Amino acid sequence: MMKLFCICLGFVALPLLARAQVAVSAETIYTMAGPAIQDGVILIRGSKIEAVGKAPAVTIPNEYRILKAKVVTPGLIDAHTVVGLSGILNQPHDQEQLDMAGPIQPELRVIDSYNPRDPLVEWVRNFGVTTVHTGHAPGALISGQTMIVKTYPNKLDEAVVVPAAMIAATLGQGATGAGDKPPGTKSKAVAMLRAELVKAVEYNKKLEKPDPEKRPARDLRLEALTRLLDGKQPLLVTVHRHQDILAVLRIAAEFKLRLVLDGVADAHLVLDEIKQAGLPVILHPTMSRANNETENLSFETASKLKQANIPFALQSGYEPYVPKTRVVLFEGALTLANGLTFDQALASMTIDAARLLGVHDRLGSLEPGKDADIALYDGDPFEYASHCVGVIVSGVVVKTEAH
């Protein structure tokens, strides 16, 4: 009898994780591609969205499994995190987010250490987060690379969206070394970064020599930096103080880099300069602590960025304590009380985040042909008393309490 019981449980669980034909019915669907749809339906075939519209206009075929919820949104996108590297146990063996062996290590690939089975990945997914931009943490001048990955499946090659998205750097307090380790000051940090980029420029020139024997030997560090110089990858710089932000802008202009500003507690002090440079911002978590170099952060910075028409997205960021990650949904909720509308807050973790990360052709909105990444809620997703009752990633129902 016990064996039969176990077999039956396994049989029941299988359809939950199988990609199938699914219909999602909701009182309100926020597509992020137009006005919200009341009494709406989404049809999913395979891994893609097949149709979206009002219930009377969308016929649900008989063979489709139907999930119902009060509110449906695109799967949420965390624009910057270290989940999958900074593990739930908070022990040395599962903390892969930062290597302090040297101040400049752009050759470190997040894909080589990301753990898709870490419980924190599932934990954030259960709040509706279906995609994360994760990688090496702030804390070194150049700490390594980032990638864009879905929170399901736990087979990394199937979950990866962009394996090498950006190169992560830090300027300011987080980049200066302890004791006599370089860089000891901000000006030293900028000088070291500039010197390394100059080396990459020279390395690139030597690679173009017609005589193969005169070309340099492979250098993984300089190879990574040349991708910044040719525009293939942006430089993601975690920076907070206004003077450090301006230093970053000078570096970007000097080397013609694609730049994404991260954190930026002092953003409201240099809005004009950021806007003139045409740079996007991944804003610090709304509930970050205001101390040291983040002492000027504000709950209202998101609304000020929106008013200035500066592209931005929200993030969970990096937390050095258990449970090792924030939830971007909760960070967004605080912006509603500080100047953003519901649609603007939701956009900051869906379509606006997808545009900033360059994946809006697949993610960030509910439209036919896009990936079927969907979050289902039993009420307003920004209300603390609401629950995420269903999550669909690439057409697979990975969580459901919806009927």
Protein backbone atom coordinates (compact mmCIF):
# COMPACT_ATOMS: atom_id res chain seq x y z
CA MET A 1 0.00 0.00 0.00
CA MET A 2 2.84 2.41 0.87
CA LYS A 3 4.49 1.84 -2.49
CA LEU A 4 1.21 2.51 -4.32
CA PHE A 5 0.72 5.73 -2.31
CA CYS A 6 4.18 7.03 -3.29
CA ILE A 7 3.63 6.19 -6.93
CA CYS A 8 0.33 8.05 -6.93
CA LEU A 9 1.94 11.13 -5.40
CA GLY A 10 4.58 11.10 -8.11
CA PHE A 11 1.93 10.77 -10.80
CA VAL A 12 -0.02 13.74 -9.47
CA ALA A 13 3.08 15.95 -9.29
CA LEU A 14 4.26 15.32 -12.84
CA PRO A 15 1.79 17.56 -14.73
CA LEU A 16 2.75 20.52 -12.53
CA LEU A 17 6.25 20.63 -13.99
CA ALA A 18 5.39 19.61 -17.54
CA ARG A 19 5.09 22.21 -20.27
CA ALA A 20 1.53 22.02 -21.51
CA GLN A 21 -1.33 24.02 -22.97
CA VAL A 22 -2.50 26.40 -20.24
CA ALA A 23 -5.07 29.17 -19.96
CA VAL A 24 -4.79 31.82 -17.26
CA SER A 25 -8.01 33.61 -16.35
CA ALA A 26 -7.90 36.71 -14.15
CA GLU A 27 -10.03 39.57 -12.93
CA THR A 28 -7.19 41.94 -13.92
CA ILE A 29 -4.24 41.32 -16.22
CA TYR A 30 -1.44 43.88 -16.27
CA THR A 31 0.17 43.16 -19.62
CA MET A 32 2.65 46.09 -19.45
CA ALA A 33 2.08 46.44 -23.19
CA GLY A 34 -1.03 48.58 -22.86
CA PRO A 35 -3.90 49.25 -20.47
CA ALA A 36 -4.80 46.62 -17.90
CA ILE A 37 -7.33 44.05 -19.11
CA GLN A 38 -10.35 43.40 -16.91
CA ASP A 39 -11.79 39.88 -17.05
CA GLY A 40 -8.90 38.69 -19.18
CA VAL A 41 -7.45 35.44 -20.49
CA ILE A 42 -3.93 34.39 -21.48
CA LEU A 43 -3.39 31.31 -23.63
CA ILE A 44 -0.03 29.54 -23.40
CA ARG A 45 1.20 26.99 -25.90
CA GLY A 46 4.58 25.43 -25.23
CA SER A 47 6.97 28.04 -23.83
CA LYS A 48 5.30 31.06 -25.45
CA ILE A 49 2.24 33.22 -25.00
CA GLU A 50 -0.29 32.38 -27.68
CA ALA A 51 -2.98 35.01 -27.06
CA VAL A 52 -3.97 37.73 -24.57
CA GLY A 53 -7.29 39.53 -24.38
CA LYS A 54 -10.68 39.96 -22.77
CA ALA A 55 -12.43 36.72 -21.92
CA PRO A 56 -15.27 37.08 -24.48
CA ALA A 57 -12.70 37.54 -27.27
CA VAL A 58 -10.39 34.63 -26.36
CA THR A 59 -11.74 31.11 -26.76
CA ILE A 60 -10.20 28.58 -24.39
CA PRO A 61 -9.89 25.20 -26.13
CA ASN A 62 -11.30 22.26 -24.20
CA GLU A 63 -7.93 20.58 -23.71
CA TYR A 64 -6.34 23.60 -21.99
CA ARG A 65 -5.70 23.51 -18.26
CA ILE A 66 -7.23 26.61 -16.64
CA LEU A 67 -5.67 28.60 -13.78
CA LYS A 68 -7.59 31.44 -12.15
CA ALA A 69 -6.36 34.42 -10.14
CA LYS A 70 -7.46 37.90 -9.16
CA VAL A 71 -4.39 39.67 -10.56
CA VAL A 72 -1.86 38.54 -13.17
CA THR A 73 1.39 40.28 -14.11
CA PRO A 74 4.41 39.43 -16.22
CA GLY A 75 6.98 37.40 -14.31
CA LEU A 76 9.00 39.83 -12.22
CA ILE A 77 12.59 40.71 -13.14
CA ASP A 78 15.15 41.46 -10.44
CA ALA A 79 17.49 43.88 -12.21
CA HIS A 80 20.49 43.19 -9.94
CA THR A 81 21.09 40.53 -7.33
CA VAL A 82 23.65 37.95 -6.28
CA VAL A 83 21.15 35.15 -5.70
CA GLY A 84 22.58 31.80 -6.82
CA LEU A 85 26.07 32.85 -5.71
CA SER A 86 25.32 34.14 -2.23
CA GLY A 87 23.76 31.00 -0.80
CA ILE A 88 21.10 30.56 1.85
CA LEU A 89 23.40 28.90 4.40
CA ASN A 90 25.61 31.97 4.84
CA GLN A 91 28.64 29.68 5.19
CA PRO A 92 31.96 29.98 3.32
CA HIS A 93 31.21 26.99 1.12
CA ASP A 94 28.12 28.61 -0.45
CA GLN A 95 29.37 32.21 -0.67
CA GLU A 96 30.69 32.61 -4.21
CA GLN A 97 29.73 36.21 -4.85
CA LEU A 98 33.07 37.90 -4.20
CA ASP A 99 36.70 36.82 -4.64
CA MET A 100 39.05 39.10 -2.73
CA ALA A 101 42.27 37.69 -4.19
CA GLY A 102 42.68 40.79 -6.33
CA PRO A 103 40.99 44.13 -7.00
CA ILE A 104 40.47 43.57 -10.75
CA GLN A 105 39.12 40.22 -11.98
CA PRO A 106 36.78 40.75 -14.97
CA GLU A 107 37.58 37.24 -16.20
CA LEU A 108 35.52 35.61 -13.44
CA ARG A 109 32.42 34.08 -15.02
CA VAL A 110 29.26 33.84 -12.97
CA ILE A 111 28.06 30.91 -15.06
CA ASP A 112 30.89 28.83 -13.58
CA SER A 113 29.68 29.24 -9.98
CA TYR A 114 25.94 29.94 -10.15
CA ASN A 115 23.87 27.38 -8.22
CA PRO A 116 20.35 27.09 -9.70
CA ARG A 117 19.39 24.65 -6.93
CA ASP A 118 20.09 27.03 -4.06
CA PRO A 119 16.88 27.38 -2.00
CA LEU A 120 16.99 31.17 -2.33
CA VAL A 121 16.35 30.86 -6.07
CA GLU A 122 13.10 29.02 -5.39
CA TRP A 123 12.31 31.39 -2.52
CA VAL A 124 12.33 34.52 -4.68
CA ARG A 125 10.52 32.65 -7.46
CA ASN A 126 7.66 31.95 -5.07
CA PHE A 127 7.01 35.71 -4.91
CA GLY A 128 6.68 35.88 -8.71
CA VAL A 129 10.32 36.57 -9.66
CA THR A 130 10.98 34.59 -12.84
CA THR A 131 14.20 36.25 -14.06
CA VAL A 132 17.24 37.59 -12.24
CA HIS A 133 20.26 39.60 -13.36
CA THR A 134 22.80 38.05 -11.04
CA GLY A 135 26.54 37.86 -10.70
CA HIS A 136 29.58 38.91 -8.76
CA ALA A 137 28.85 41.32 -5.95
CA PRO A 138 29.96 44.88 -5.30
CA GLY A 139 33.06 45.04 -3.12
CA ALA A 140 35.98 44.98 -5.55
CA LEU A 141 37.10 47.41 -8.23
CA ILE A 142 36.07 44.83 -10.85
CA SER A 143 34.57 41.73 -9.24
CA GLY A 144 33.58 39.67 -12.30
CA GLN A 145 30.75 39.12 -14.74
CA THR A 146 26.99 38.97 -14.48
CA MET A 147 24.35 36.95 -16.32
CA ILE A 148 20.61 36.96 -16.88
CA VAL A 149 18.95 33.71 -15.89
CA LYS A 150 15.48 32.40 -15.17
CA THR A 151 14.60 31.02 -11.78
CA TYR A 152 13.47 27.75 -13.37
CA PRO A 153 14.53 25.10 -14.40
CA ASN A 154 17.44 24.04 -12.23
CA LYS A 155 19.35 22.94 -15.34
CA LEU A 156 21.51 25.98 -15.91
CA ASP A 157 21.93 25.63 -19.67
CA GLU A 158 18.13 25.70 -20.05
CA ALA A 159 17.60 28.57 -17.61
CA VAL A 160 20.23 31.01 -18.94
CA VAL A 161 18.96 33.95 -20.99
CA VAL A 162 22.26 35.86 -21.40
CA PRO A 163 25.36 34.01 -20.13
CA ALA A 164 27.65 37.06 -20.02
CA ALA A 165 25.53 40.17 -19.56
CA MET A 166 27.74 42.82 -17.94
CA ILE A 167 31.04 43.27 -16.13
CA ALA A 168 30.53 44.34 -12.53
CA ALA A 169 32.63 47.10 -10.98
CA THR A 170 32.54 49.23 -7.84
CA LEU A 171 33.76 52.75 -7.18
CA GLY A 172 33.79 54.44 -3.82
CA GLN A 173 33.91 52.89 -0.37
CA GLY A 174 33.23 49.37 -1.63
CA ALA A 175 36.26 49.41 -3.94
CA THR A 176 38.93 50.66 -1.55
CA GLY A 177 41.02 47.95 0.05
CA ALA A 178 41.61 47.38 3.73
CA GLY A 179 44.96 48.28 5.28
CA ASP A 180 47.68 48.70 2.67
CA LYS A 181 45.86 46.78 -0.08
CA PRO A 182 45.27 48.86 -3.22
CA PRO A 183 43.25 50.83 -4.03
CA GLY A 184 43.44 52.77 -0.79
CA THR A 185 41.67 55.88 -2.01
CA LYS A 186 39.03 56.81 -4.59
CA SER A 187 41.50 58.51 -6.89
CA LYS A 188 43.71 55.43 -6.77
CA ALA A 189 40.72 53.25 -7.70
CA VAL A 190 39.91 55.41 -10.72
CA ALA A 191 43.57 55.45 -11.77
CA MET A 192 43.76 51.65 -11.55
CA LEU A 193 40.60 51.26 -13.60
CA ARG A 194 41.87 53.69 -16.23
CA ALA A 195 45.24 51.93 -16.39
CA GLU A 196 43.59 48.55 -16.93
CA LEU A 197 41.41 49.92 -19.72
CA VAL A 198 44.50 51.44 -21.37
CA LYS A 199 46.12 48.00 -21.28
CA ALA A 200 43.01 46.57 -22.93
CA VAL A 201 43.18 49.20 -25.70
CA GLU A 202 46.80 48.28 -26.42
CA TYR A 203 46.01 44.56 -26.26
CA ASN A 204 43.23 45.05 -28.79
CA LYS A 205 45.56 46.88 -31.17
CA LYS A 206 48.13 44.09 -30.98
CA LEU A 207 45.46 41.48 -31.75
CA GLU A 208 44.83 43.25 -35.05
CA LYS A 209 48.43 42.82 -36.26
CA PRO A 210 48.49 40.94 -39.59
CA ASP A 211 51.42 38.75 -38.52
CA PRO A 212 50.07 36.08 -36.11
CA GLU A 213 53.49 35.74 -34.48
CA LYS A 214 53.35 39.37 -33.36
CA ARG A 215 49.99 39.01 -31.69
CA PRO A 216 49.98 38.70 -27.90
CA ALA A 217 49.26 35.50 -26.00
CA ARG A 218 45.72 35.10 -24.74
CA ASP A 219 44.94 37.11 -21.63
CA LEU A 220 41.53 36.34 -20.16
CA ARG A 221 41.45 39.55 -18.13
CA LEU A 222 42.19 41.79 -21.09
CA GLU A 223 39.88 39.78 -23.34
CA ALA A 224 37.02 40.54 -20.97
CA LEU A 225 37.87 44.23 -20.87
CA THR A 226 38.02 44.47 -24.67
CA ARG A 227 34.36 43.49 -24.73
CA LEU A 228 33.71 46.73 -22.85
CA LEU A 229 35.72 48.70 -25.36
CA ASP A 230 33.94 47.32 -28.42
CA GLY A 231 30.52 47.77 -26.84
CA LYS A 232 29.63 44.09 -26.63
CA GLN A 233 29.10 44.32 -22.87
CA PRO A 234 28.15 47.20 -20.58
CA LEU A 235 30.12 48.10 -17.48
CA LEU A 236 27.86 47.86 -14.44
CA VAL A 237 29.26 50.20 -11.81
CA THR A 238 27.99 50.17 -8.24
CA VAL A 239 28.57 53.73 -7.08
CA HIS A 240 26.86 55.98 -4.52
CA ARG A 241 28.64 59.27 -3.78
CA HIS A 242 28.00 62.10 -6.22
CA GLN A 243 31.72 62.71 -6.81
CA ASP A 244 32.23 59.01 -7.59
CA ILE A 245 29.29 59.07 -10.00
CA LEU A 246 30.91 61.96 -11.86
CA ALA A 247 34.23 60.09 -11.95
CA VAL A 248 32.46 57.13 -13.56
CA LEU A 249 30.92 59.41 -16.16
CA ARG A 250 34.39 60.72 -17.05
CA ILE A 251 35.75 57.20 -17.48
CA ALA A 252 32.79 56.19 -19.65
CA ALA A 253 33.24 59.25 -21.89
CA GLU A 254 37.00 58.74 -22.16
CA PHE A 255 36.76 55.12 -23.30
CA LYS A 256 33.32 55.35 -24.95
CA LEU A 257 31.89 52.65 -22.70
CA ARG A 258 28.33 51.45 -22.43
CA LEU A 259 27.62 52.16 -18.80
CA VAL A 260 24.91 51.16 -16.35
CA LEU A 261 24.88 52.94 -13.00
CA ASP A 262 24.01 50.76 -10.01
CA GLY A 263 22.98 51.78 -6.51
CA VAL A 264 23.44 55.56 -6.90
CA ALA A 265 22.30 56.79 -3.49
CA ASP A 266 23.27 60.34 -4.50
CA ALA A 267 21.44 60.16 -7.84
CA HIS A 268 19.11 63.03 -6.92
CA LEU A 269 22.16 65.29 -6.51
CA VAL A 270 23.44 64.71 -10.06
CA LEU A 271 20.24 64.03 -12.04
CA ASP A 272 21.16 66.50 -14.78
CA GLU A 273 24.57 64.92 -15.35
CA ILE A 274 23.14 61.40 -15.47
CA LYS A 275 20.43 62.47 -17.89
CA GLN A 276 22.87 64.34 -20.12
CA ALA A 277 25.07 61.25 -20.30
CA GLY A 278 22.02 59.18 -21.34
CA LEU A 279 22.68 56.48 -18.77
CA PRO A 280 20.24 53.98 -17.24
CA VAL A 281 20.13 53.35 -13.50
CA ILE A 282 19.55 50.19 -11.49
CA LEU A 283 18.45 51.90 -8.30
CA HIS A 284 19.44 50.76 -4.84
CA PRO A 285 16.81 48.73 -2.95
CA THR A 286 14.23 51.14 -1.58
CA MET A 287 14.76 49.89 1.98
CA SER A 288 18.57 50.04 1.95
CA ARG A 289 20.24 51.34 5.08
CA ALA A 290 21.20 55.01 4.98
CA ASN A 291 24.71 55.01 6.39
CA ASN A 292 28.30 55.71 5.31
CA GLU A 293 28.33 56.35 1.56
CA THR A 294 24.58 55.69 1.27
CA GLU A 295 23.67 58.32 3.85
CA ASN A 296 21.96 60.49 1.20
CA LEU A 297 19.66 57.80 -0.20
CA SER A 298 15.98 58.61 -0.40
CA PHE A 299 12.68 56.78 -0.75
CA GLU A 300 11.80 59.36 -3.42
CA THR A 301 14.73 58.76 -5.78
CA ALA A 302 12.73 56.41 -8.02
CA SER A 303 10.07 59.05 -8.59
CA LYS A 304 12.73 61.69 -9.26
CA LEU A 305 14.35 59.45 -11.88
CA LYS A 306 10.94 58.93 -13.48
CA GLN A 307 10.25 62.68 -13.51
CA ALA A 308 13.63 63.27 -15.15
CA ASN A 309 12.90 60.58 -17.79
CA ILE A 310 15.98 58.61 -16.76
CA PRO A 311 15.49 54.88 -17.47
CA PHE A 312 15.67 52.84 -14.28
CA ALA A 313 14.82 49.49 -12.77
CA LEU A 314 14.62 48.18 -9.22
CA GLN A 315 16.75 45.51 -7.61
CA SER A 316 17.03 43.36 -4.51
CA GLY A 317 20.76 44.04 -4.32
CA TYR A 318 23.22 42.23 -2.09
CA GLU A 319 22.69 41.62 1.60
CA PRO A 320 25.59 40.19 3.66
CA TYR A 321 23.30 38.55 6.20
CA VAL A 322 20.69 35.78 6.26
CA PRO A 323 18.42 35.30 4.31
CA LYS A 324 20.97 36.77 1.90
CA THR A 325 18.53 38.41 -0.47
CA ARG A 326 15.69 40.89 -0.52
CA VAL A 327 12.53 40.51 -2.61
CA VAL A 328 12.26 43.08 -5.38
CA LEU A 329 8.44 43.02 -5.14
CA PHE A 330 8.57 44.44 -1.61
CA GLU A 331 11.14 47.05 -2.62
CA GLY A 332 8.77 48.21 -5.35
CA ALA A 333 5.86 48.46 -2.93
CA LEU A 334 7.64 51.22 -1.00
CA THR A 335 7.93 53.36 -4.14
CA LEU A 336 4.12 53.59 -4.36
CA ALA A 337 4.06 55.61 -1.17
CA ASN A 338 6.86 57.83 -2.44
CA GLY A 339 5.82 59.15 -5.82
CA LEU A 340 5.44 56.26 -8.27
CA THR A 341 2.11 55.07 -9.63
CA PHE A 342 1.15 51.39 -9.58
CA ASP A 343 1.98 50.99 -13.27
CA GLN A 344 5.34 52.76 -12.89
CA ALA A 345 6.35 50.61 -9.93
CA LEU A 346 5.33 47.41 -11.73
CA ALA A 347 7.16 48.54 -14.89
CA SER A 348 10.38 48.99 -12.88
CA MET A 349 10.48 45.23 -12.31
CA THR A 350 8.95 44.07 -15.60
CA ILE A 351 9.12 45.87 -18.95
CA ASP A 352 11.47 48.69 -17.88
CA ALA A 353 13.85 46.18 -16.31
CA ALA A 354 13.69 44.05 -19.46
CA ARG A 355 14.52 47.07 -21.65
CA LEU A 356 17.42 48.10 -19.44
CA LEU A 357 18.83 44.56 -19.57
CA GLY A 358 18.25 44.25 -23.31
CA VAL A 359 15.85 41.28 -23.10
CA HIS A 360 12.55 43.06 -23.82
CA ASP A 361 12.11 41.08 -27.04
CA ARG A 362 11.41 38.02 -24.87
CA LEU A 363 10.54 39.22 -21.38
CA GLY A 364 8.85 41.95 -19.39
CA SER A 365 5.34 42.03 -20.87
CA LEU A 366 2.47 39.71 -21.69
CA GLU A 367 2.23 39.66 -25.48
CA PRO A 368 1.80 36.89 -28.07
CA GLY A 369 5.16 35.41 -29.02
CA LYS A 370 6.93 36.36 -25.81
CA ASP A 371 8.11 33.88 -23.19
CA ALA A 372 5.28 32.63 -21.01
CA ASP A 373 6.67 33.99 -17.73
CA ILE A 374 3.68 34.90 -15.56
CA ALA A 375 2.96 35.68 -11.90
CA LEU A 376 -0.50 35.11 -10.39
CA TYR A 377 -1.73 36.85 -7.21
CA ASP A 378 -4.82 36.66 -5.02
CA GLY A 379 -4.92 40.46 -4.73
CA ASP A 380 -2.86 43.59 -5.35
CA PRO A 381 0.71 42.23 -5.63
CA PHE A 382 2.12 45.22 -3.75
CA GLU A 383 -0.15 44.67 -0.76
CA TYR A 384 1.64 42.82 2.02
CA ALA A 385 -1.44 40.67 2.72
CA SER A 386 -1.60 39.41 -0.88
CA HIS A 387 -0.05 36.13 -1.93
CA CYS A 388 1.59 34.88 -5.07
CA VAL A 389 -0.62 31.89 -5.88
CA GLY A 390 0.97 30.79 -9.12
CA VAL A 391 4.17 31.09 -11.14
CA ILE A 392 4.72 30.06 -14.73
CA VAL A 393 8.22 30.09 -16.23
CA SER A 394 8.71 29.44 -19.95
CA GLY A 395 5.26 27.84 -20.07
CA VAL A 396 5.89 25.50 -17.12
CA VAL A 397 3.60 25.84 -14.10
CA VAL A 398 6.16 25.67 -11.29
CA LYS A 399 3.86 26.85 -8.51
CA THR A 400 0.10 26.87 -8.24
CA GLU A 401 -2.44 27.49 -5.53
CA ALA A 402 -4.82 28.91 -8.14
CA HIS A 403 -7.85 26.91 -9.23
